N, C-alpha and C. Protein backbone atom coordinates (compact mmCIF):
# COMPACT_ATOMS: atom_id res chain seq x y z
N UNK A 1 -2.44 32.18 -30.61
CA UNK A 1 -1.69 33.22 -31.59
C UNK A 1 0.11 32.80 -31.35
N UNK A 2 1.17 32.90 -32.36
CA UNK A 2 2.47 32.42 -32.21
C UNK A 2 3.44 33.46 -32.98
N UNK A 3 4.28 34.40 -31.96
CA UNK A 3 4.70 35.30 -32.32
C UNK A 3 6.56 35.15 -32.07
N UNK A 4 7.17 35.53 -32.90
CA UNK A 4 8.76 35.40 -32.38
C UNK A 4 9.19 36.37 -31.61
N UNK A 5 10.23 36.17 -30.72
CA UNK A 5 10.54 37.06 -29.84
C UNK A 5 10.63 38.55 -30.11
N UNK A 6 10.99 38.80 -30.93
CA UNK A 6 11.19 40.22 -31.47
C UNK A 6 9.87 41.51 -31.99
N UNK A 7 9.07 40.27 -32.72
CA UNK A 7 7.69 40.92 -32.42
C UNK A 7 6.99 40.95 -31.41
N UNK A 8 7.22 39.65 -30.34
CA UNK A 8 6.71 39.76 -29.15
C UNK A 8 7.07 41.21 -28.39
N UNK A 9 8.16 41.09 -28.00
CA UNK A 9 9.02 42.06 -27.66
C UNK A 9 7.97 43.61 -27.85
N UNK A 10 7.77 43.54 -29.31
CA UNK A 10 7.35 45.15 -29.71
C UNK A 10 5.80 45.09 -29.41
N UNK A 11 4.79 43.97 -29.19
CA UNK A 11 3.58 44.27 -28.97
C UNK A 11 3.08 43.75 -27.49
N UNK A 12 4.08 43.43 -26.67
CA UNK A 12 3.90 43.14 -25.35
C UNK A 12 2.67 43.45 -24.95
N UNK A 13 2.19 44.82 -24.61
CA UNK A 13 1.00 45.00 -24.05
C UNK A 13 -0.29 44.38 -24.42
N UNK A 14 0.19 44.46 -26.12
CA UNK A 14 -1.09 43.67 -26.65
C UNK A 14 -1.65 42.32 -26.53
N UNK A 15 0.01 41.87 -25.98
CA UNK A 15 -0.02 39.96 -25.69
C UNK A 15 -0.99 39.53 -24.60
N UNK A 16 -0.46 40.64 -23.61
CA UNK A 16 -0.74 40.64 -22.28
C UNK A 16 -2.39 40.77 -22.19
N UNK A 17 -2.98 41.67 -22.60
CA UNK A 17 -4.28 42.12 -22.72
C UNK A 17 -5.15 40.39 -23.62
N UNK A 18 -4.23 40.05 -24.50
CA UNK A 18 -4.93 39.22 -25.39
C UNK A 18 -4.77 37.72 -24.59
N UNK A 19 -3.82 37.48 -23.96
CA UNK A 19 -3.69 36.40 -22.78
C UNK A 19 -4.75 36.37 -21.80
N UNK A 20 -4.98 37.51 -21.40
CA UNK A 20 -5.80 37.70 -20.34
C UNK A 20 -7.13 37.93 -20.79
N UNK A 21 -7.79 37.80 -21.74
CA UNK A 21 -8.88 37.64 -22.48
C UNK A 21 -9.44 35.90 -22.85
N UNK A 22 -8.14 35.05 -22.61
CA UNK A 22 -8.27 33.58 -22.92
C UNK A 22 -7.53 33.82 -24.00
N UNK A 23 -7.07 34.38 -24.60
CA UNK A 23 -6.41 33.77 -26.00
C UNK A 23 -5.09 33.33 -25.44
N UNK A 24 -4.79 31.98 -26.83
CA UNK A 24 -3.35 31.38 -26.65
C UNK A 24 -2.29 32.21 -26.94
N UNK A 25 -1.41 32.57 -26.45
CA UNK A 25 0.02 33.18 -26.60
C UNK A 25 1.22 32.44 -26.69
N UNK A 26 1.43 32.02 -27.80
CA UNK A 26 3.05 31.57 -27.74
C UNK A 26 4.08 32.30 -28.06
N UNK A 27 5.26 32.23 -27.82
CA UNK A 27 6.63 33.46 -27.82
C UNK A 27 7.30 31.91 -28.67
N UNK A 28 7.96 32.21 -30.07
CA UNK A 28 9.10 31.33 -30.39
C UNK A 28 10.22 32.12 -30.68
N UNK A 29 11.36 30.82 -30.78
CA UNK A 29 12.60 31.98 -31.65
C UNK A 29 12.72 30.97 -32.96
N UNK A 30 12.88 31.24 -33.57
CA UNK A 30 14.03 30.76 -35.04
C UNK A 30 12.33 30.04 -35.35
N UNK A 31 11.14 30.16 -34.87
CA UNK A 31 10.18 29.14 -35.22
C UNK A 31 9.54 28.06 -34.36
N UNK A 32 10.93 27.87 -33.49
CA UNK A 32 10.39 26.89 -32.64
C UNK A 32 9.58 27.44 -30.94
N UNK A 33 8.31 27.02 -30.98
CA UNK A 33 7.93 27.16 -29.40
C UNK A 33 8.83 27.64 -28.18
N UNK A 34 8.76 28.80 -27.40
CA UNK A 34 9.76 28.53 -26.44
C UNK A 34 8.75 28.95 -24.90
N UNK A 35 7.15 29.16 -25.23
CA UNK A 35 7.03 29.89 -24.10
C UNK A 35 5.52 30.08 -24.74
N UNK A 36 4.65 29.61 -23.17
CA UNK A 36 3.29 30.26 -23.29
C UNK A 36 3.01 31.27 -22.51
N UNK A 37 2.27 32.38 -22.74
CA UNK A 37 1.97 33.69 -21.91
C UNK A 37 0.15 32.90 -21.48
N UNK A 38 0.27 33.35 -20.24
CA UNK A 38 -0.97 32.97 -19.35
C UNK A 38 -1.01 33.97 -18.60
N UNK A 39 -2.27 34.23 -18.25
CA UNK A 39 -2.64 35.16 -16.75
C UNK A 39 -2.36 34.53 -15.50
N UNK A 40 -2.23 34.96 -15.01
CA UNK A 40 -1.98 34.52 -13.30
C UNK A 40 -3.56 34.59 -12.74
N UNK A 41 -3.75 33.58 -12.29
CA UNK A 41 -4.88 33.63 -11.30
C UNK A 41 -5.25 34.19 -10.54
N UNK A 42 -5.90 34.92 -9.87
CA UNK A 42 -5.88 36.02 -8.64
C UNK A 42 -6.42 34.79 -7.41
N UNK A 43 -5.87 35.08 -6.65
CA UNK A 43 -6.03 34.40 -5.17
C UNK A 43 -7.37 34.84 -4.77
N UNK A 44 -7.66 33.82 -4.47
CA UNK A 44 -9.37 33.52 -3.78
C UNK A 44 -9.57 34.80 -2.53
N UNK A 45 -9.80 35.82 -2.72
CA UNK A 45 -10.37 36.44 -1.59
C UNK A 45 -9.15 37.24 -0.62
N UNK A 46 -8.01 36.98 -1.63
CA UNK A 46 -6.53 37.84 -0.85
C UNK A 46 -6.48 39.31 -1.57
N UNK A 47 -6.14 40.18 -0.55
CA UNK A 47 -6.08 41.39 -1.09
C UNK A 47 -4.32 42.22 -1.17
N UNK A 48 -3.98 41.28 -0.78
CA UNK A 48 -2.71 41.68 -0.39
C UNK A 48 -2.39 42.18 1.23
N UNK A 49 -1.08 43.00 1.39
CA UNK A 49 -0.79 42.81 2.90
C UNK A 49 -1.99 43.29 3.69
N UNK A 50 -1.87 42.91 5.06
CA UNK A 50 -3.13 43.21 6.13
C UNK A 50 -4.32 42.96 5.71
N UNK A 51 -4.84 41.86 4.71
CA UNK A 51 -5.86 41.37 4.13
C UNK A 51 -6.47 40.27 5.41
N UNK A 52 -5.59 39.83 6.28
CA UNK A 52 -5.95 38.87 7.60
C UNK A 52 -6.09 39.49 8.94
N UNK A 53 -5.96 41.18 8.54
CA UNK A 53 -6.36 41.87 9.66
C UNK A 53 -7.90 41.82 10.07
N UNK A 54 -8.51 41.33 9.80
CA UNK A 54 -10.51 41.35 10.30
C UNK A 54 -10.13 39.58 10.68
N UNK A 55 -9.17 38.64 10.80
CA UNK A 55 -9.07 37.62 11.43
C UNK A 55 -8.99 37.67 12.89
N UNK A 56 -10.14 37.24 13.88
CA UNK A 56 -9.64 37.40 15.04
C UNK A 56 -8.90 36.41 15.78
N UNK A 57 -8.35 36.56 16.85
CA UNK A 57 -7.50 34.98 17.63
C UNK A 57 -6.82 35.62 18.17
N UNK A 58 -5.83 34.47 18.65
CA UNK A 58 -4.52 35.01 19.18
C UNK A 58 -3.41 33.79 19.05
N UNK A 59 -2.75 33.76 17.82
CA UNK A 59 -2.12 32.65 17.37
C UNK A 59 -1.06 32.02 18.79
N UNK A 60 -0.42 33.05 19.88
CA UNK A 60 0.06 32.34 21.03
C UNK A 60 -0.23 31.44 21.24
N UNK A 61 -1.78 31.34 21.27
CA UNK A 61 -2.39 30.60 22.49
C UNK A 61 -2.28 29.26 22.41
N UNK A 62 -1.88 29.16 20.93
CA UNK A 62 -2.06 27.51 19.88
C UNK A 62 -0.51 26.87 20.41
N UNK A 63 0.09 27.47 20.97
CA UNK A 63 1.64 27.49 21.23
C UNK A 63 2.32 26.68 22.47
N UNK A 64 1.11 26.06 23.16
CA UNK A 64 1.38 25.52 24.40
C UNK A 64 2.59 24.69 24.73
N UNK A 65 3.33 24.32 25.64
CA UNK A 65 4.21 23.82 26.01
C UNK A 65 3.92 22.25 25.20
N UNK A 66 2.65 21.66 25.87
CA UNK A 66 2.50 20.57 25.32
C UNK A 66 2.25 20.33 24.12
N UNK A 67 1.95 21.37 23.11
CA UNK A 67 1.75 21.40 21.29
C UNK A 67 2.88 21.66 20.83
N UNK A 68 4.05 22.09 21.87
CA UNK A 68 5.30 22.27 21.32
C UNK A 68 6.01 20.99 21.35
N UNK A 69 5.80 20.37 22.28
CA UNK A 69 6.67 18.77 23.17
C UNK A 69 6.20 17.96 21.37
N UNK A 70 4.53 17.85 21.01
CA UNK A 70 4.52 17.11 20.29
C UNK A 70 4.93 17.18 19.05
N UNK A 71 4.84 18.47 18.51
CA UNK A 71 5.54 19.04 17.49
C UNK A 71 7.43 18.86 17.30
N UNK A 72 7.55 18.28 18.25
CA UNK A 72 9.12 18.35 18.38
C UNK A 72 9.21 16.80 18.41
N UNK A 73 8.13 15.97 18.78
CA UNK A 73 8.44 14.60 18.64
C UNK A 73 7.94 14.05 16.86
N UNK A 74 7.50 14.70 16.88
CA UNK A 74 6.53 14.77 15.14
C UNK A 74 7.92 14.92 14.23
N UNK A 75 8.86 15.69 14.65
CA UNK A 75 10.28 16.10 13.67
C UNK A 75 10.90 14.80 14.41
N UNK A 76 11.40 14.34 15.12
CA UNK A 76 12.08 13.29 15.45
C UNK A 76 11.68 11.92 14.85
N UNK A 77 10.41 12.25 14.39
CA UNK A 77 10.38 10.76 13.43
C UNK A 77 9.30 9.73 14.56
N UNK A 78 9.27 10.18 15.56
CA UNK A 78 8.42 9.38 16.62
C UNK A 78 6.88 9.39 16.71
N UNK A 79 6.69 8.30 16.33
CA UNK A 79 4.64 8.39 16.47
C UNK A 79 4.32 8.07 17.66
């Protein structure tokens, strides 16, 4: 499906539904293709803010003085 910008503007809801259904939607200007409307893939398993609340553990325990020295050494480029 290829439409010029003005027509796409007037039919945006329909075009979004078509793209989500897997149809190719191309928007053109003066007959020249400019953009393709594609759906955004849902992030696997993430549902927004707070989605990691169920993950147990204390991230602070990972930042021991030895670990911080190692990270600093790596940033300075000394292997």
